[in-house]
């Protein structure tokens, strides 16, 4: 299952202390310029999705809708998380590559990709 490779990278980032989890911490990480990538649960409310989509576009941080709240929480050793920020550029690039290789609609917002 492809989700495992993405979530295991998130788990590695957590072990490295490079995760901001939860709406408040994720927002702070984006606004302070520490976030390299944001993941929002596909189960997040429409308001939460819109808020992070707009914020990540404004701050040019790649953002993806991915997984359930339970999956995101489990990846970082918590119960449920609707959003999290990865604050390590290397791990963010690895996660981004995996997201982009998905064919089931890894929607991205944030910085524009130039090919």
N, C-alpha and C. Protein backbone atom coordinates (compact mmCIF):
# COMPACT_ATOMS: atom_id res chain seq x y z
N UNK A 1 0.85 -1.20 0.00
CA UNK A 1 0.00 0.00 0.00
C UNK A 1 0.88 1.25 0.00
N UNK A 2 0.63 2.17 -0.91
CA UNK A 2 1.48 3.36 -1.06
C UNK A 2 1.44 4.29 0.14
N UNK A 3 0.31 4.34 0.81
CA UNK A 3 0.19 5.29 1.92
C UNK A 3 1.26 5.04 2.97
N UNK A 4 1.64 3.78 3.16
CA UNK A 4 2.61 3.46 4.20
C UNK A 4 3.94 4.17 3.99
N UNK A 5 4.41 4.27 2.75
CA UNK A 5 5.72 4.91 2.53
C UNK A 5 5.67 6.39 2.88
N UNK A 6 4.58 7.04 2.57
CA UNK A 6 4.44 8.46 2.92
C UNK A 6 4.34 8.63 4.44
N UNK A 7 3.48 7.82 5.05
CA UNK A 7 3.30 7.92 6.49
C UNK A 7 4.56 7.51 7.26
N UNK A 8 5.34 6.58 6.70
CA UNK A 8 6.57 6.22 7.40
C UNK A 8 7.58 7.36 7.33
N UNK A 9 7.60 8.11 6.22
CA UNK A 9 8.47 9.30 6.15
C UNK A 9 8.01 10.35 7.17
N UNK A 10 6.71 10.48 7.34
CA UNK A 10 6.18 11.40 8.35
C UNK A 10 6.64 10.94 9.74
N UNK A 11 6.61 9.62 9.97
CA UNK A 11 7.07 9.08 11.25
C UNK A 11 8.55 9.36 11.49
N UNK A 12 9.35 9.26 10.44
CA UNK A 12 10.79 9.56 10.55
C UNK A 12 10.98 11.03 10.93
N UNK A 13 10.21 11.90 10.27
CA UNK A 13 10.28 13.33 10.57
C UNK A 13 9.90 13.59 12.03
N UNK A 14 8.90 12.87 12.53
CA UNK A 14 8.48 13.01 13.93
C UNK A 14 9.61 12.61 14.87
N UNK A 15 10.26 11.48 14.57
CA UNK A 15 11.37 11.01 15.42
C UNK A 15 12.52 12.01 15.41
N UNK A 16 12.68 12.70 14.29
CA UNK A 16 13.75 13.70 14.17
C UNK A 16 13.36 15.03 14.82
N UNK A 17 12.13 15.11 15.32
CA UNK A 17 11.67 16.35 15.93
C UNK A 17 11.35 17.43 14.92
N UNK A 18 10.98 17.02 13.71
CA UNK A 18 10.74 17.97 12.62
C UNK A 18 9.27 18.01 12.19
N UNK A 19 8.36 17.81 13.14
CA UNK A 19 6.93 17.83 12.84
C UNK A 19 6.23 18.84 13.75
N UNK A 20 5.36 19.63 13.17
CA UNK A 20 4.43 20.46 13.96
C UNK A 20 3.06 19.88 13.67
N UNK A 21 2.37 19.40 14.69
CA UNK A 21 1.09 18.72 14.47
C UNK A 21 -0.06 19.47 15.10
N UNK A 22 -1.22 19.36 14.49
CA UNK A 22 -2.39 20.05 14.98
C UNK A 22 -2.51 21.40 14.29
N UNK A 23 -3.72 21.90 14.27
CA UNK A 23 -4.01 23.11 13.50
C UNK A 23 -3.16 24.31 13.95
N UNK A 24 -3.09 24.54 15.26
CA UNK A 24 -2.40 25.72 15.78
C UNK A 24 -0.90 25.64 15.48
N UNK A 25 -0.26 24.50 15.78
CA UNK A 25 1.18 24.36 15.54
C UNK A 25 1.51 24.39 14.06
N UNK A 26 0.65 23.77 13.24
CA UNK A 26 0.88 23.76 11.79
C UNK A 26 0.83 25.19 11.25
N UNK A 27 -0.17 25.95 11.68
CA UNK A 27 -0.32 27.34 11.25
C UNK A 27 0.91 28.16 11.66
N UNK A 28 1.37 27.98 12.90
CA UNK A 28 2.55 28.71 13.37
C UNK A 28 3.79 28.36 12.54
N UNK A 29 3.95 27.07 12.21
CA UNK A 29 5.11 26.63 11.44
C UNK A 29 5.10 27.26 10.04
N UNK A 30 3.92 27.34 9.43
CA UNK A 30 3.82 27.94 8.09
C UNK A 30 4.12 29.43 8.17
N UNK A 31 3.47 30.11 9.10
CA UNK A 31 3.61 31.57 9.18
C UNK A 31 5.01 32.01 9.62
N UNK A 32 5.72 31.15 10.37
CA UNK A 32 7.06 31.51 10.82
C UNK A 32 8.13 31.09 9.81
N UNK A 33 7.70 30.45 8.71
CA UNK A 33 8.64 30.06 7.67
C UNK A 33 9.38 28.76 7.96
N UNK A 34 8.97 28.03 8.99
CA UNK A 34 9.65 26.78 9.35
C UNK A 34 9.13 25.58 8.56
N UNK A 35 7.88 25.66 8.10
CA UNK A 35 7.27 24.51 7.42
C UNK A 35 7.81 24.37 5.99
N UNK A 36 8.23 23.15 5.64
CA UNK A 36 8.67 22.86 4.28
C UNK A 36 7.56 22.21 3.48
N UNK A 37 6.59 21.62 4.18
CA UNK A 37 5.49 20.92 3.54
C UNK A 37 4.38 20.75 4.55
N UNK A 38 3.14 20.82 4.09
CA UNK A 38 1.99 20.64 4.98
C UNK A 38 1.14 19.49 4.45
N UNK A 39 0.66 18.64 5.37
CA UNK A 39 -0.27 17.57 5.00
C UNK A 39 -1.55 17.81 5.79
N UNK A 40 -2.66 17.84 5.05
CA UNK A 40 -3.98 18.03 5.65
C UNK A 40 -4.77 16.75 5.42
N UNK A 41 -5.41 16.25 6.45
CA UNK A 41 -6.20 15.03 6.31
C UNK A 41 -7.32 15.25 5.31
N UNK A 42 -7.60 14.19 4.52
CA UNK A 42 -8.72 14.27 3.59
C UNK A 42 -10.04 14.39 4.34
N UNK A 43 -10.05 14.04 5.63
CA UNK A 43 -11.26 14.13 6.45
C UNK A 43 -11.42 15.48 7.13
N UNK A 44 -10.45 16.37 6.96
CA UNK A 44 -10.54 17.68 7.61
C UNK A 44 -11.79 18.42 7.11
N UNK A 45 -12.29 19.31 7.93
CA UNK A 45 -13.48 20.07 7.54
C UNK A 45 -13.16 20.97 6.34
N UNK A 46 -14.20 21.35 5.62
CA UNK A 46 -14.01 22.23 4.46
C UNK A 46 -13.34 23.54 4.87
N UNK A 47 -13.71 24.06 6.05
CA UNK A 47 -13.10 25.30 6.54
C UNK A 47 -11.61 25.12 6.76
N UNK A 48 -11.23 24.01 7.38
CA UNK A 48 -9.81 23.73 7.65
C UNK A 48 -9.05 23.59 6.33
N UNK A 49 -9.63 22.85 5.39
CA UNK A 49 -8.97 22.66 4.09
C UNK A 49 -8.77 24.01 3.39
N UNK A 50 -9.82 24.84 3.39
CA UNK A 50 -9.74 26.14 2.72
C UNK A 50 -8.70 27.04 3.40
N UNK A 51 -8.70 27.03 4.73
CA UNK A 51 -7.76 27.86 5.50
C UNK A 51 -6.32 27.49 5.14
N UNK A 52 -6.00 26.19 5.16
CA UNK A 52 -4.63 25.78 4.87
C UNK A 52 -4.28 25.93 3.40
N UNK A 53 -5.24 25.70 2.52
CA UNK A 53 -4.99 25.89 1.08
C UNK A 53 -4.60 27.34 0.83
N UNK A 54 -5.36 28.28 1.37
CA UNK A 54 -5.07 29.70 1.19
C UNK A 54 -3.76 30.11 1.85
N UNK A 55 -3.54 29.64 3.08
CA UNK A 55 -2.33 30.00 3.81
C UNK A 55 -1.08 29.46 3.10
N UNK A 56 -1.14 28.20 2.66
CA UNK A 56 0.03 27.59 2.02
C UNK A 56 0.30 28.22 0.66
N UNK A 57 -0.75 28.63 -0.04
CA UNK A 57 -0.55 29.33 -1.31
C UNK A 57 0.13 30.67 -1.05
N UNK A 58 -0.35 31.40 -0.05
CA UNK A 58 0.21 32.71 0.27
C UNK A 58 1.67 32.60 0.69
N UNK A 59 2.00 31.62 1.53
CA UNK A 59 3.37 31.47 2.05
C UNK A 59 4.24 30.57 1.16
N UNK A 60 3.67 30.11 0.04
CA UNK A 60 4.38 29.27 -0.93
C UNK A 60 4.96 28.01 -0.29
N UNK A 61 4.12 27.34 0.48
CA UNK A 61 4.50 26.06 1.10
C UNK A 61 3.67 24.97 0.42
N UNK A 62 4.29 23.93 -0.13
CA UNK A 62 3.51 22.85 -0.74
C UNK A 62 2.60 22.20 0.30
N UNK A 63 1.37 21.95 -0.07
CA UNK A 63 0.41 21.33 0.85
C UNK A 63 -0.34 20.23 0.10
N UNK A 64 -0.57 19.14 0.80
CA UNK A 64 -1.26 18.00 0.20
C UNK A 64 -2.39 17.54 1.10
N UNK A 65 -3.47 17.08 0.48
CA UNK A 65 -4.55 16.43 1.22
C UNK A 65 -4.25 14.94 1.15
N UNK A 66 -4.15 14.32 2.34
CA UNK A 66 -3.72 12.93 2.35
C UNK A 66 -4.16 12.21 3.61
N UNK A 67 -4.67 11.02 3.45
CA UNK A 67 -4.95 10.14 4.59
C UNK A 67 -6.09 10.58 5.48
N UNK A 68 -6.40 9.71 6.44
CA UNK A 68 -7.43 10.02 7.43
C UNK A 68 -6.78 10.69 8.63
N UNK A 69 -7.61 11.28 9.47
CA UNK A 69 -7.09 11.90 10.70
C UNK A 69 -6.40 10.85 11.55
N UNK A 70 -6.97 9.65 11.57
CA UNK A 70 -6.41 8.56 12.36
C UNK A 70 -5.04 8.14 11.82
N UNK A 71 -4.92 8.03 10.49
CA UNK A 71 -3.63 7.64 9.88
C UNK A 71 -2.55 8.68 10.16
N UNK A 72 -2.89 9.95 10.01
CA UNK A 72 -1.90 11.01 10.28
C UNK A 72 -1.49 10.99 11.75
N UNK A 73 -2.47 10.83 12.63
CA UNK A 73 -2.16 10.78 14.06
C UNK A 73 -1.28 9.59 14.40
N UNK A 74 -1.62 8.42 13.85
CA UNK A 74 -0.86 7.20 14.14
C UNK A 74 0.58 7.34 13.65
N UNK A 75 0.79 8.01 12.53
CA UNK A 75 2.13 8.17 11.97
C UNK A 75 3.04 8.95 12.91
N UNK A 76 2.45 9.81 13.74
CA UNK A 76 3.27 10.63 14.65
C UNK A 76 3.02 10.27 16.12
N UNK A 77 2.36 9.13 16.34
CA UNK A 77 2.17 8.66 17.70
C UNK A 77 1.10 9.39 18.49
N UNK A 78 0.10 9.93 17.79
CA UNK A 78 -1.01 10.61 18.45
C UNK A 78 -2.31 9.93 18.04
N UNK A 79 -3.43 10.37 18.63
CA UNK A 79 -4.69 9.77 18.25
C UNK A 79 -5.15 10.27 16.89
N UNK A 80 -5.57 11.52 16.81
CA UNK A 80 -6.08 12.07 15.55
C UNK A 80 -5.38 13.39 15.26
N UNK A 81 -5.04 13.62 14.01
CA UNK A 81 -4.51 14.91 13.59
C UNK A 81 -5.09 15.26 12.24
N UNK A 82 -5.64 16.47 12.12
CA UNK A 82 -6.20 16.91 10.85
C UNK A 82 -5.14 17.56 9.98
N UNK A 83 -4.06 18.03 10.61
CA UNK A 83 -3.01 18.69 9.82
C UNK A 83 -1.67 18.55 10.53
N UNK A 84 -0.62 18.59 9.71
CA UNK A 84 0.73 18.59 10.27
C UNK A 84 1.67 19.25 9.27
N UNK A 85 2.74 19.80 9.80
CA UNK A 85 3.76 20.44 8.97
C UNK A 85 5.07 19.68 9.15
N UNK A 86 5.77 19.46 8.04
CA UNK A 86 7.09 18.84 8.09
C UNK A 86 8.10 19.99 8.00
N UNK A 87 9.03 20.04 8.94
CA UNK A 87 9.97 21.15 9.02
C UNK A 87 11.40 20.72 8.68
N UNK A 88 11.52 19.83 7.72
CA UNK A 88 12.83 19.37 7.26
C UNK A 88 12.77 19.31 5.74
N UNK A 89 13.64 20.07 5.07
CA UNK A 89 13.53 20.18 3.62
C UNK A 89 13.81 18.87 2.91
N UNK A 90 14.76 18.08 3.40
CA UNK A 90 15.06 16.80 2.77
C UNK A 90 13.90 15.82 2.84
N UNK A 91 13.33 15.68 4.03
CA UNK A 91 12.18 14.79 4.20
C UNK A 91 10.97 15.32 3.44
N UNK A 92 10.82 16.64 3.42
CA UNK A 92 9.70 17.23 2.67
C UNK A 92 9.79 16.90 1.19
N UNK A 93 11.01 17.00 0.64
CA UNK A 93 11.18 16.67 -0.79
C UNK A 93 10.86 15.21 -1.06
N UNK A 94 11.27 14.32 -0.16
CA UNK A 94 10.99 12.89 -0.32
C UNK A 94 9.48 12.63 -0.28
N UNK A 95 8.80 13.28 0.66
CA UNK A 95 7.34 13.11 0.78
C UNK A 95 6.66 13.68 -0.46
N UNK A 96 7.13 14.86 -0.90
CA UNK A 96 6.54 15.51 -2.07
C UNK A 96 6.67 14.61 -3.31
N UNK A 97 7.83 13.98 -3.49
CA UNK A 97 8.02 13.08 -4.63
C UNK A 97 7.05 11.92 -4.59
N UNK A 98 6.86 11.36 -3.39
CA UNK A 98 5.92 10.24 -3.25
C UNK A 98 4.50 10.71 -3.52
N UNK A 99 4.15 11.89 -3.03
CA UNK A 99 2.81 12.43 -3.27
C UNK A 99 2.56 12.63 -4.76
N UNK A 100 3.56 13.20 -5.44
CA UNK A 100 3.39 13.49 -6.87
C UNK A 100 3.33 12.23 -7.72
N UNK A 101 3.91 11.14 -7.22
CA UNK A 101 3.89 9.90 -8.00
C UNK A 101 2.57 9.15 -7.83
N UNK A 102 1.74 9.59 -6.89
CA UNK A 102 0.44 8.96 -6.69
C UNK A 102 -0.47 9.30 -7.86
N UNK A 103 -1.27 8.36 -8.24
CA UNK A 103 -2.20 8.60 -9.34
C UNK A 103 -3.63 8.78 -8.84
N UNK A 104 -3.82 8.72 -7.54
CA UNK A 104 -5.19 8.83 -7.01
C UNK A 104 -5.50 10.24 -6.52
N UNK A 105 -4.83 11.21 -7.13
CA UNK A 105 -5.22 12.59 -6.86
C UNK A 105 -4.54 13.23 -5.68
N UNK A 106 -3.23 13.17 -5.59
CA UNK A 106 -2.51 13.86 -4.53
C UNK A 106 -2.56 15.35 -4.79
N UNK A 107 -3.61 15.99 -4.32
CA UNK A 107 -3.80 17.40 -4.64
C UNK A 107 -2.78 18.26 -3.90
N UNK A 108 -2.20 19.18 -4.62
CA UNK A 108 -1.18 20.04 -4.02
C UNK A 108 -1.60 21.49 -4.14
N UNK A 109 -1.28 22.24 -3.10
CA UNK A 109 -1.47 23.69 -3.12
C UNK A 109 -0.19 24.27 -2.60
N UNK A 110 0.06 25.49 -2.92
CA UNK A 110 1.27 26.11 -2.42
C UNK A 110 2.12 26.55 -3.59
N UNK A 111 3.40 26.28 -3.50
CA UNK A 111 4.31 26.82 -4.52
C UNK A 111 4.03 26.21 -5.88
N UNK A 112 4.20 26.99 -6.90
CA UNK A 112 3.96 26.53 -8.26
C UNK A 112 5.14 25.74 -8.74
N UNK A 113 4.86 24.59 -9.30
CA UNK A 113 5.92 23.73 -9.83
C UNK A 113 6.22 24.16 -11.25
N UNK A 114 7.47 24.43 -11.57
CA UNK A 114 7.82 24.77 -12.95
C UNK A 114 8.59 23.59 -13.53
N UNK A 115 8.19 23.17 -14.73
CA UNK A 115 8.85 22.02 -15.32
C UNK A 115 9.77 22.40 -16.44
